[in-house]
Amino acid sequence: GPQGLKVPIKLGTITGFADASFAEDVATRRSHTGFVFILNGAAISWCSRCQDRVANSTTEAEFRAYNSAGRDALFLRKLDYDYMNHAQRSKAQAPTMIWDDNQTTIKWLKTHGHHAKTKHIDTAVLSIREHIIELKALDVDYVDTVAQVADVLTKSLTPAHHWNLSRFMLGKQVPS
């Protein structure tokens, strides 16, 4: 992970980081989604955009960010599969890990059923849980906020931290 932080990333495996800022747009109070996918040490896909609805909590904003990242991950998995040879296709594809720094979001994503605080979230967004719980195409786990690579796409950071995360996304080929 960034500057010696332990985030297990295997070569040849697509790994994602998803994050959100909460209600940072002063005019609309919309949150900001950011995600990045790393393959063989460098970013292959990333996104930074304003969410299409106002989130009621930090956790909801993070949940929406994971949903966006999860949809992109499903596309990247299909693309990866399309380029596999017959021997590679015969092996089961491991779930794509998307790291998140919000414990409640992770709990919501890994637990089936409606929680009192998720009933207002769109069914389309909630459906991403099926890809984690039932289909096992995606997975989510906790990453410390300091190692959250997607932070560079969602919020203001100190110059040193911004540079550290940016270098990680670029495959560290940029000299310090």
Protein backbone atom coordinates (compact mmCIF):
# COMPACT_ATOMS: atom_id res chain seq x y z
CA GLY A 1 0.00 0.00 0.00
CA PRO A 2 0.96 3.65 0.10
CA GLN A 3 4.37 4.32 1.73
CA GLY A 4 4.76 1.00 3.52
CA LEU A 5 1.18 0.63 4.77
CA LYS A 6 0.00 -2.96 4.60
CA VAL A 7 -2.73 -3.40 1.99
CA PRO A 8 -2.49 -6.86 0.42
CA ILE A 9 -2.49 -6.48 -3.35
CA LYS A 10 -1.63 -9.53 -5.46
CA LEU A 11 -0.04 -9.18 -8.88
CA GLY A 12 -2.44 -10.13 -11.65
CA THR A 13 -5.46 -9.35 -9.46
CA ILE A 14 -7.74 -6.34 -9.82
CA THR A 15 -8.03 -4.54 -6.48
CA GLY A 16 -10.23 -1.53 -5.77
CA PHE A 17 -10.44 1.33 -3.31
CA ALA A 18 -13.74 3.23 -2.85
CA ASP A 19 -14.41 6.34 -0.80
CA ALA A 20 -16.78 9.27 -0.45
CA SER A 21 -16.73 12.71 1.03
CA PHE A 22 -19.95 13.65 2.80
CA ALA A 23 -22.03 16.66 1.68
CA GLU A 24 -18.97 18.58 0.51
CA ASP A 25 -20.73 20.44 -2.31
CA VAL A 26 -21.75 23.65 -0.53
CA ALA A 27 -24.50 24.52 -3.02
CA THR A 28 -26.20 21.10 -3.33
CA ARG A 29 -24.91 19.26 -0.21
CA ARG A 30 -24.17 16.29 -2.45
CA SER A 31 -21.36 13.93 -1.57
CA HIS A 32 -18.44 13.04 -3.80
CA THR A 33 -17.60 9.49 -4.99
CA GLY A 34 -14.09 8.37 -5.74
CA PHE A 35 -12.74 4.97 -6.64
CA VAL A 36 -9.68 3.48 -8.26
CA PHE A 37 -8.78 -0.01 -9.45
CA ILE A 38 -5.18 -1.21 -9.40
CA LEU A 39 -3.79 -4.04 -11.53
CA ASN A 40 -0.11 -5.05 -11.48
CA GLY A 41 0.86 -1.97 -9.50
CA ALA A 42 -0.91 0.85 -11.35
CA ALA A 43 -4.38 2.31 -11.82
CA ILE A 44 -6.40 0.85 -14.69
CA SER A 45 -9.71 2.58 -13.92
CA TRP A 46 -10.72 5.48 -11.68
CA CYS A 47 -13.58 7.88 -11.08
CA SER A 48 -14.15 11.14 -9.25
CA ARG A 49 -17.64 12.61 -9.44
CA CYS A 50 -20.47 14.22 -7.53
CA GLN A 51 -23.15 11.75 -6.40
CA ASP A 52 -26.55 12.04 -8.11
CA ARG A 53 -28.51 12.30 -4.83
CA VAL A 54 -28.03 13.89 -1.44
CA ALA A 55 -26.89 11.27 1.10
CA ASN A 56 -28.39 11.33 4.61
CA SER A 57 -25.19 10.16 6.29
CA THR A 58 -21.51 9.50 5.76
CA THR A 59 -22.29 5.79 5.63
CA GLU A 60 -24.89 6.25 2.90
CA ALA A 61 -22.42 8.32 0.87
CA GLU A 62 -19.81 5.56 1.29
CA PHE A 63 -22.40 2.91 0.37
CA ARG A 64 -23.21 4.80 -2.85
CA ALA A 65 -19.48 5.11 -3.61
CA TYR A 66 -19.04 1.35 -3.13
CA ASN A 67 -22.01 0.74 -5.43
CA SER A 68 -20.38 2.82 -8.19
CA ALA A 69 -17.05 1.08 -7.65
CA GLY A 70 -18.74 -2.33 -7.56
CA ARG A 71 -20.46 -1.73 -10.90
CA ASP A 72 -17.11 -0.76 -12.43
CA ALA A 73 -15.48 -3.83 -10.87
CA LEU A 74 -18.09 -6.10 -12.46
CA PHE A 75 -17.28 -4.58 -15.86
CA LEU A 76 -13.52 -4.98 -15.26
CA ARG A 77 -14.04 -8.63 -14.21
CA LYS A 78 -15.93 -9.30 -17.45
CA LEU A 79 -13.20 -7.58 -19.47
CA ASP A 80 -10.52 -9.57 -17.63
CA TYR A 81 -12.44 -12.82 -18.30
CA ASP A 82 -12.78 -11.98 -21.99
CA TYR A 83 -8.97 -11.82 -22.29
CA MET A 84 -8.30 -15.09 -20.42
CA ASN A 85 -7.21 -18.23 -22.23
CA HIS A 86 -9.12 -21.51 -21.85
CA ALA A 87 -6.96 -22.75 -18.94
CA GLN A 88 -7.43 -19.46 -17.05
CA ARG A 89 -11.19 -19.50 -17.66
CA SER A 90 -11.49 -22.99 -16.18
CA LYS A 91 -10.28 -21.69 -12.79
CA ALA A 92 -12.78 -19.99 -10.51
CA GLN A 93 -12.33 -16.22 -10.48
CA ALA A 94 -11.68 -14.95 -6.95
CA PRO A 95 -13.91 -12.11 -5.73
CA THR A 96 -12.67 -8.60 -6.55
CA MET A 97 -11.69 -6.87 -3.31
CA ILE A 98 -12.76 -3.26 -2.89
CA TRP A 99 -11.23 -1.63 0.18
CA ASP A 100 -13.34 0.83 2.20
CA ASP A 101 -12.58 2.90 5.29
CA ASN A 102 -16.09 2.95 6.80
CA GLN A 103 -16.88 0.07 9.16
CA THR A 104 -20.67 0.61 9.08
CA THR A 105 -20.72 0.55 5.28
CA ILE A 106 -18.83 -2.75 5.34
CA LYS A 107 -21.35 -4.15 7.83
CA TRP A 108 -24.28 -3.03 5.62
CA LEU A 109 -22.66 -4.56 2.56
CA LYS A 110 -21.95 -7.94 4.18
CA THR A 111 -25.35 -8.37 5.86
CA HIS A 112 -28.52 -9.39 4.03
CA GLY A 113 -31.88 -7.80 4.73
CA HIS A 114 -32.95 -4.27 5.43
CA HIS A 115 -31.41 -2.33 8.24
CA ALA A 116 -33.47 0.51 9.74
CA LYS A 117 -31.02 3.02 8.31
CA THR A 118 -30.87 1.54 4.78
CA LYS A 119 -34.58 1.37 3.95
CA HIS A 120 -34.45 4.75 2.18
CA ILE A 121 -31.56 3.72 -0.09
CA ASP A 122 -32.55 2.79 -3.65
CA THR A 123 -33.03 -0.90 -4.40
CA ALA A 124 -30.59 -0.52 -7.31
CA VAL A 125 -27.87 0.57 -4.89
CA LEU A 126 -28.75 -2.12 -2.36
CA SER A 127 -28.55 -4.79 -5.06
CA ILE A 128 -24.74 -4.55 -5.04
CA ARG A 129 -24.87 -6.68 -1.88
CA GLU A 130 -25.97 -9.68 -3.98
CA HIS A 131 -22.61 -9.58 -5.74
CA ILE A 132 -20.89 -9.82 -2.34
CA ILE A 133 -23.13 -12.15 -0.36
CA GLU A 134 -24.64 -14.51 -2.94
CA LEU A 135 -22.68 -14.30 -6.19
CA LYS A 136 -19.26 -13.89 -4.49
CA ALA A 137 -18.04 -11.69 -7.38
CA LEU A 138 -17.08 -8.82 -5.06
CA ASP A 139 -15.74 -8.50 -1.55
CA VAL A 140 -15.22 -5.61 0.84
CA ASP A 141 -12.82 -5.15 3.72
CA TYR A 142 -11.52 -2.37 5.91
CA VAL A 143 -8.54 -0.24 4.99
CA ASP A 144 -7.21 2.37 7.39
CA THR A 145 -8.11 5.89 6.31
CA VAL A 146 -4.40 6.76 5.96
CA ALA A 147 -4.06 4.03 3.29
CA GLN A 148 -7.34 4.83 1.50
CA VAL A 149 -6.01 5.44 -2.01
CA ALA A 150 -9.39 6.79 -3.22
CA ASP A 151 -9.03 9.77 -0.83
CA VAL A 152 -6.98 11.49 -3.51
CA LEU A 153 -10.15 11.52 -5.65
CA THR A 154 -12.61 12.76 -3.01
CA LYS A 155 -11.11 15.35 -0.72
CA SER A 156 -8.40 17.89 -0.01
CA LEU A 157 -5.27 16.34 1.46
CA THR A 158 -1.95 17.65 2.63
CA PRO A 159 0.46 17.95 -0.31
CA ALA A 160 2.66 15.14 1.04
CA HIS A 161 -0.28 12.73 1.51
CA HIS A 162 -1.79 13.65 -1.88
CA TRP A 163 1.56 12.97 -3.57
CA ASN A 164 2.01 9.67 -1.71
CA LEU A 165 -1.42 8.37 -2.80
CA SER A 166 -1.01 9.71 -6.36
CA ARG A 167 2.38 7.98 -6.72
CA PHE A 168 0.81 4.73 -5.53
CA MET A 169 -1.98 5.03 -8.14
CA LEU A 170 0.58 5.74 -10.86
CA GLY A 171 2.62 2.67 -9.99
CA LYS A 172 5.31 4.59 -8.08
CA GLN A 173 7.18 5.32 -11.31
CA VAL A 174 7.02 9.05 -10.54
CA PRO A 175 10.20 10.11 -8.70
CA SER A 176 9.77 11.64 -5.25
